[in-house]
Amino acid sequence: MESVRRSNDVAQDWQTVSSSNAGVLFRCVRNTFSLATGPAEVAGILRVLFKLLVWRLNGSPATGQDATLRLHGVTHVLGLGTGELLTPQEIYGEGGYDRLPDFVPQPGWIVFDVGANSGVYAIRQARRGAHVYAFEPNAGCYRRLQKTVGANQMEGRVIAINSALGATPGSAQLLVPEGVTTMGSLRPEWTPRANGNGVTVEVDTVDRVAGKYGINRIDLLKIDVEGLELDVLEGARNSLAFVDRVVVEYHSLDLGRRVVERFAQHGLTTVLDERMYSGDETKYRGVGRGLLFARRAPPA
């Protein structure tokens, strides 16, 4: 739990300080060194550190500043000044989504990664042998997601879709706080630092996607959508009947409680509620509060 709190503290830093804060930027790189598996990967981190330094000195905008990082034998394309350097530490170092062995994807699983960002989680599950449908509405993140899929030759295992998932199909405004793509949201109240500036993105539903691809089994549905958790589940009303496991990162304690209630309505039992932060929600609104793990009871 302590590692989860530390990661969340950094996320709070990203929400409350300017994206040009060198201390936060370099802390991300420093934490990443622990994930290197050899001299070549250490050298790659040093190259990213140099790019960060140049980016910082030039005062460059985050848009278009991509960096390639190899960790655990996997190539990742991440955005400088976007908060995305935190993600490998969360996925590999802390292993939050791997808390329960039964939720670690196995070969042949079908995984929906809703809120894929630059694809760190999606690629890890694909390398485990899963077939992943990765949904990301942010154009910059989606570009990096595609690059990461290609760099790891995972086109046959990862289908990247440039769309948000919600309650109904259509379009919506995606707002992204300055310097933190991982906290982009379709809910304006979660993104005060976006200053109301958004971009129109496509919204689809789990049910429509499942029908389009002829999917009748989802082994794991992972949702990280900054306040839109219930909307995604609402758009999966039919599909939840054939979902075996769900992991949801909820973004307020009230949302977490309501998600648990929705699980129960669809025959899913919550087996773990891992709190990340439970303090003043008005102060840290939009920062991850915890992970909910739910599963369907296996047939008798």
Protein backbone atom coordinates (compact mmCIF):
# COMPACT_ATOMS: atom_id res chain seq x y z
CA MET A 1 0.00 0.00 0.00
CA GLU A 2 2.82 2.42 0.78
CA SER A 3 4.09 2.29 -2.81
CA VAL A 4 0.59 3.06 -4.07
CA ARG A 5 0.38 6.09 -1.78
CA ARG A 6 3.77 7.32 -2.99
CA SER A 7 2.68 7.07 -6.60
CA ASN A 8 -0.54 8.89 -5.80
CA ASP A 9 1.43 11.64 -4.04
CA VAL A 10 3.35 12.18 -7.28
CA ALA A 11 0.05 12.30 -9.16
CA GLN A 12 -1.13 14.99 -6.76
CA ASP A 13 2.11 16.89 -7.47
CA TRP A 14 1.33 16.75 -11.16
CA GLN A 15 -2.13 18.16 -10.51
CA THR A 16 -1.01 21.01 -8.26
CA VAL A 17 2.24 22.26 -9.81
CA SER A 18 3.20 23.50 -13.25
CA SER A 19 4.23 20.89 -15.79
CA SER A 20 7.53 22.70 -16.08
CA ASN A 21 8.46 21.83 -12.47
CA ALA A 22 11.82 20.14 -12.94
CA GLY A 23 11.66 18.36 -9.58
CA VAL A 24 8.53 16.42 -10.52
CA LEU A 25 9.81 15.66 -14.02
CA PHE A 26 13.10 14.23 -12.84
CA ARG A 27 11.49 12.30 -9.99
CA CYS A 28 9.60 10.36 -12.66
CA VAL A 29 12.83 9.41 -14.40
CA ARG A 30 14.59 8.58 -11.14
CA ASN A 31 11.83 6.16 -10.12
CA THR A 32 12.05 4.52 -13.52
CA PHE A 33 15.69 3.46 -12.97
CA SER A 34 14.50 0.72 -10.62
CA LEU A 35 12.71 -0.94 -13.56
CA ALA A 36 15.78 -1.26 -15.81
CA THR A 37 16.85 -4.85 -16.46
CA GLY A 38 20.33 -4.21 -17.87
CA PRO A 39 22.92 -1.64 -18.98
CA ALA A 40 21.17 -0.95 -22.28
CA GLU A 41 17.93 -0.03 -20.52
CA VAL A 42 19.81 2.17 -18.03
CA ALA A 43 21.44 3.94 -20.98
CA GLY A 44 18.01 4.44 -22.52
CA ILE A 45 16.72 6.06 -19.35
CA LEU A 46 19.73 8.38 -19.36
CA ARG A 47 18.89 9.39 -22.93
CA VAL A 48 15.34 10.20 -21.87
CA LEU A 49 16.76 12.20 -18.97
CA PHE A 50 18.81 14.21 -21.47
CA LYS A 51 15.74 14.80 -23.64
CA LEU A 52 13.88 15.95 -20.54
CA LEU A 53 16.68 18.37 -19.76
CA VAL A 54 16.62 19.81 -23.28
CA TRP A 55 12.82 19.98 -23.20
CA ARG A 56 12.97 21.79 -19.87
CA LEU A 57 15.63 24.30 -20.95
CA ASN A 58 13.85 25.08 -24.22
CA GLY A 59 10.51 25.50 -22.50
CA SER A 60 8.96 23.29 -25.17
CA PRO A 61 5.27 22.40 -25.08
CA ALA A 62 4.38 18.83 -24.21
CA THR A 63 2.58 18.24 -27.51
CA GLY A 64 4.65 16.14 -29.88
CA GLN A 65 7.51 15.52 -27.45
CA ASP A 66 7.76 11.74 -27.63
CA ALA A 67 10.45 9.66 -25.95
CA THR A 68 11.22 5.99 -26.50
CA LEU A 69 11.99 3.99 -23.38
CA ARG A 70 12.83 0.29 -23.12
CA LEU A 71 11.97 -1.43 -19.84
CA HIS A 72 11.58 -5.12 -18.99
CA GLY A 73 12.48 -5.87 -22.59
CA VAL A 74 9.54 -3.81 -23.85
CA THR A 75 9.70 -0.64 -25.94
CA HIS A 76 7.43 2.17 -24.74
CA VAL A 77 6.74 5.48 -26.44
CA LEU A 78 5.84 8.08 -23.83
CA GLY A 79 5.24 11.82 -23.90
CA LEU A 80 7.63 14.21 -22.21
CA GLY A 81 5.93 16.60 -19.83
CA THR A 82 2.71 14.58 -19.86
CA GLY A 83 2.92 12.55 -16.66
CA GLU A 84 3.22 9.36 -18.72
CA LEU A 85 6.62 8.53 -17.26
CA LEU A 86 4.74 7.59 -14.08
CA THR A 87 2.87 4.78 -15.79
CA PRO A 88 5.67 2.17 -16.14
CA GLN A 89 6.39 2.56 -12.43
CA GLU A 90 2.72 2.01 -11.62
CA ILE A 91 2.31 -0.98 -13.93
CA TYR A 92 5.68 -2.73 -13.50
CA GLY A 93 7.03 -1.42 -10.20
CA GLU A 94 3.88 -1.35 -8.08
CA GLY A 95 1.89 -3.97 -9.98
CA GLY A 96 -1.40 -2.50 -8.81
CA TYR A 97 -3.46 -4.37 -11.39
CA ASP A 98 -1.71 -7.64 -10.49
CA ARG A 99 -2.79 -7.58 -6.85
CA LEU A 100 -4.82 -10.77 -7.27
CA PRO A 101 -3.37 -13.74 -9.22
CA ASP A 102 -6.76 -14.53 -10.75
CA PHE A 103 -6.76 -11.09 -12.41
CA VAL A 104 -3.41 -11.53 -14.15
CA PRO A 105 -4.26 -12.20 -17.83
CA GLN A 106 -3.43 -15.62 -19.24
CA PRO A 107 -2.76 -16.67 -22.86
CA GLY A 108 -5.92 -16.45 -24.91
CA TRP A 109 -7.76 -14.04 -22.63
CA ILE A 110 -9.75 -11.18 -24.14
CA VAL A 111 -8.96 -7.94 -22.32
CA PHE A 112 -10.65 -4.55 -22.74
CA ASP A 113 -8.31 -1.72 -21.68
CA VAL A 114 -10.59 1.30 -21.34
CA GLY A 115 -8.41 4.36 -20.85
CA ALA A 116 -5.24 2.92 -22.39
CA ASN A 117 -3.20 6.16 -22.48
CA SER A 118 0.13 5.31 -24.20
CA GLY A 119 -0.35 1.55 -23.85
CA VAL A 120 1.89 0.37 -21.00
CA TYR A 121 -0.84 -1.83 -19.49
CA ALA A 122 -2.10 -3.03 -22.87
CA ILE A 123 1.33 -4.13 -24.06
CA ARG A 124 2.08 -5.95 -20.83
CA GLN A 125 -1.09 -8.01 -21.13
CA ALA A 126 -0.46 -8.70 -24.82
CA ARG A 127 3.00 -10.03 -23.99
CA ARG A 128 1.34 -12.36 -21.51
CA GLY A 129 -0.63 -13.79 -24.43
CA ALA A 130 -3.90 -11.87 -24.11
CA HIS A 131 -5.82 -10.28 -26.97
CA VAL A 132 -6.28 -6.64 -26.00
CA TYR A 133 -8.74 -4.03 -27.21
CA ALA A 134 -7.19 -0.72 -26.13
CA PHE A 135 -9.38 2.41 -26.09
CA GLU A 136 -7.81 5.88 -25.96
CA PRO A 137 -9.54 9.12 -27.06
CA ASN A 138 -6.57 11.49 -26.62
CA ALA A 139 -4.98 11.88 -30.08
CA GLY A 140 -1.42 12.29 -28.75
CA CYS A 141 -1.70 9.30 -26.43
CA TYR A 142 -3.30 7.26 -29.19
CA ARG A 143 -0.41 8.07 -31.51
CA ARG A 144 2.06 6.87 -28.88
CA LEU A 145 -0.09 3.80 -28.23
CA GLN A 146 0.09 2.90 -31.92
CA LYS A 147 3.85 3.49 -31.98
CA THR A 148 4.29 1.27 -28.93
CA VAL A 149 2.21 -1.52 -30.47
CA GLY A 150 4.25 -1.34 -33.68
CA ALA A 151 7.61 -1.14 -31.90
CA ASN A 152 6.82 -4.37 -30.05
CA GLN A 153 5.29 -6.10 -33.09
CA MET A 154 2.02 -6.60 -31.23
CA GLU A 155 -0.37 -5.67 -34.03
CA GLY A 156 -1.81 -9.18 -33.92
CA ARG A 157 -2.58 -8.97 -30.22
CA VAL A 158 -3.52 -5.33 -29.62
CA ILE A 159 -6.33 -3.54 -31.42
CA ALA A 160 -5.94 0.19 -30.71
CA ILE A 161 -9.14 2.22 -30.96
CA ASN A 162 -9.12 6.04 -30.94
CA SER A 163 -12.29 6.44 -28.90
CA ALA A 164 -13.61 6.94 -25.41
CA LEU A 165 -16.20 4.51 -24.05
CA GLY A 166 -19.28 5.80 -22.27
CA ALA A 167 -23.00 5.30 -21.69
CA THR A 168 -24.12 6.18 -25.23
CA PRO A 169 -22.38 6.59 -28.60
CA GLY A 170 -21.69 10.08 -29.87
CA SER A 171 -19.06 12.70 -29.11
CA ALA A 172 -17.86 14.67 -26.10
CA GLN A 173 -15.26 17.19 -25.00
CA LEU A 174 -12.06 15.69 -23.60
CA LEU A 175 -10.31 18.01 -21.17
CA VAL A 176 -6.70 17.38 -20.19
CA PRO A 177 -4.99 19.19 -17.29
CA GLU A 178 -1.77 20.86 -18.38
CA GLY A 179 1.07 18.35 -18.32
CA VAL A 180 -1.00 15.33 -17.21
CA THR A 181 -2.51 13.25 -20.01
CA THR A 182 -3.20 10.45 -17.52
CA MET A 183 -5.85 12.68 -15.92
CA GLY A 184 -7.74 13.64 -19.06
CA SER A 185 -11.49 13.38 -18.50
CA LEU A 186 -14.84 13.90 -20.20
CA ARG A 187 -16.09 15.46 -16.95
CA PRO A 188 -15.21 19.19 -16.66
CA GLU A 189 -15.50 19.07 -12.85
CA TRP A 190 -12.57 16.64 -12.69
CA THR A 191 -10.23 18.82 -14.75
CA PRO A 192 -10.12 22.38 -13.38
CA ARG A 193 -6.55 22.88 -14.62
CA ALA A 194 -7.68 22.32 -18.21
CA ASN A 195 -9.22 25.82 -18.03
CA GLY A 196 -12.24 24.65 -20.00
CA ASN A 197 -10.18 23.95 -23.11
CA GLY A 198 -11.17 20.66 -24.62
CA VAL A 199 -11.10 18.72 -27.86
CA THR A 200 -14.01 16.82 -29.38
CA VAL A 201 -13.55 13.04 -29.27
CA GLU A 202 -15.61 10.07 -30.36
CA VAL A 203 -17.51 8.10 -27.73
CA ASP A 204 -18.62 4.50 -28.20
CA THR A 205 -19.95 1.83 -25.85
CA VAL A 206 -18.70 -1.57 -24.76
CA ASP A 207 -21.89 -3.14 -26.11
CA ARG A 208 -21.44 -1.65 -29.59
CA VAL A 209 -17.75 -2.59 -29.76
CA ALA A 210 -18.49 -6.14 -28.66
CA GLY A 211 -21.13 -6.41 -31.38
CA LYS A 212 -18.85 -4.91 -34.03
CA TYR A 213 -16.05 -7.39 -33.34
CA GLY A 214 -18.30 -10.37 -32.60
CA ILE A 215 -17.05 -10.65 -29.02
CA ASN A 216 -19.09 -12.86 -26.70
CA ARG A 217 -16.54 -13.24 -23.90
CA ILE A 218 -14.47 -10.68 -22.02
CA ASP A 219 -12.11 -12.23 -19.51
CA LEU A 220 -11.03 -8.90 -18.03
CA LEU A 221 -12.52 -5.43 -18.35
CA LYS A 222 -10.10 -2.77 -17.04
CA ILE A 223 -11.49 0.76 -16.63
CA ASP A 224 -9.50 3.91 -15.80
CA VAL A 225 -11.50 6.88 -17.07
CA GLU A 226 -11.26 9.70 -14.50
CA GLY A 227 -14.83 9.95 -13.27
CA LEU A 228 -16.66 8.22 -16.14
CA GLU A 229 -16.67 4.79 -14.49
CA LEU A 230 -20.44 4.41 -14.20
CA ASP A 231 -20.97 5.64 -17.77
CA VAL A 232 -18.71 2.91 -19.13
CA LEU A 233 -20.59 0.28 -17.12
CA GLU A 234 -23.92 1.72 -18.29
CA GLY A 235 -22.75 1.29 -21.89
CA ALA A 236 -21.91 -2.34 -21.10
CA ARG A 237 -25.37 -3.33 -19.84
CA ASN A 238 -25.58 -6.31 -22.19
CA SER A 239 -21.88 -7.18 -22.31
CA LEU A 240 -21.51 -7.44 -18.52
CA ALA A 241 -23.39 -10.73 -18.77
CA PHE A 242 -20.28 -12.27 -20.37
CA VAL A 243 -17.59 -10.34 -18.47
CA ASP A 244 -15.74 -12.56 -15.98
CA ARG A 245 -13.60 -9.96 -14.21
CA VAL A 246 -13.55 -6.18 -13.87
CA VAL A 247 -10.91 -3.85 -12.45
CA VAL A 248 -12.02 -0.25 -12.01
CA GLU A 249 -9.90 2.66 -10.81
CA TYR A 250 -12.54 4.82 -9.15
CA HIS A 251 -12.08 8.53 -8.70
CA SER A 252 -14.21 9.41 -5.71
CA LEU A 253 -15.37 7.39 -2.73
CA ASP A 254 -18.99 7.91 -3.75
CA LEU A 255 -18.27 6.65 -7.27
CA GLY A 256 -16.55 3.62 -5.78
CA ARG A 257 -19.62 2.75 -3.73
CA ARG A 258 -21.90 3.17 -6.72
CA VAL A 259 -19.65 1.01 -8.90
CA VAL A 260 -19.83 -1.79 -6.30
CA GLU A 261 -23.64 -1.52 -6.39
CA ARG A 262 -23.60 -1.73 -10.19
CA PHE A 263 -21.38 -4.81 -10.04
CA ALA A 264 -23.88 -6.55 -7.76
CA GLN A 265 -26.74 -5.76 -10.14
CA HIS A 266 -24.90 -7.68 -12.86
CA GLY A 267 -23.86 -10.69 -10.79
CA LEU A 268 -20.30 -9.52 -10.16
CA THR A 269 -18.88 -9.83 -6.65
CA THR A 270 -16.36 -7.25 -5.41
CA VAL A 271 -13.39 -9.19 -4.02
CA LEU A 272 -11.01 -6.30 -3.25
CA ASP A 273 -11.27 -2.55 -2.69
CA GLU A 274 -7.73 -1.19 -2.56
CA ARG A 275 -7.82 2.40 -1.34
CA MET A 276 -5.20 4.81 -2.65
CA TYR A 277 -6.49 7.97 -1.06
CA SER A 278 -9.45 8.62 1.25
CA GLY A 279 -8.92 12.19 2.49
CA ASP A 280 -10.36 15.54 1.45
CA GLU A 281 -12.07 14.87 -1.88
CA THR A 282 -12.62 18.56 -2.55
CA LYS A 283 -8.85 19.16 -2.39
CA TYR A 284 -7.73 16.27 -4.61
CA ARG A 285 -10.72 15.82 -6.86
CA GLY A 286 -9.89 13.74 -9.91
CA VAL A 287 -6.93 11.93 -8.36
CA GLY A 288 -7.33 8.14 -8.17
CA ARG A 289 -9.00 6.95 -5.00
CA GLY A 290 -8.61 3.22 -5.38
CA LEU A 291 -8.93 0.01 -7.36
CA LEU A 292 -11.97 -2.25 -7.28
CA PHE A 293 -11.62 -5.89 -8.30
CA ALA A 294 -14.81 -7.81 -9.07
CA ARG A 295 -15.47 -11.18 -10.63
CA ARG A 296 -18.27 -13.47 -11.62
CA ALA A 297 -18.60 -16.64 -9.62
CA PRO A 298 -17.40 -19.63 -11.69
CA PRO A 299 -20.06 -22.16 -12.70
CA ALA A 300 -20.79 -24.75 -10.04
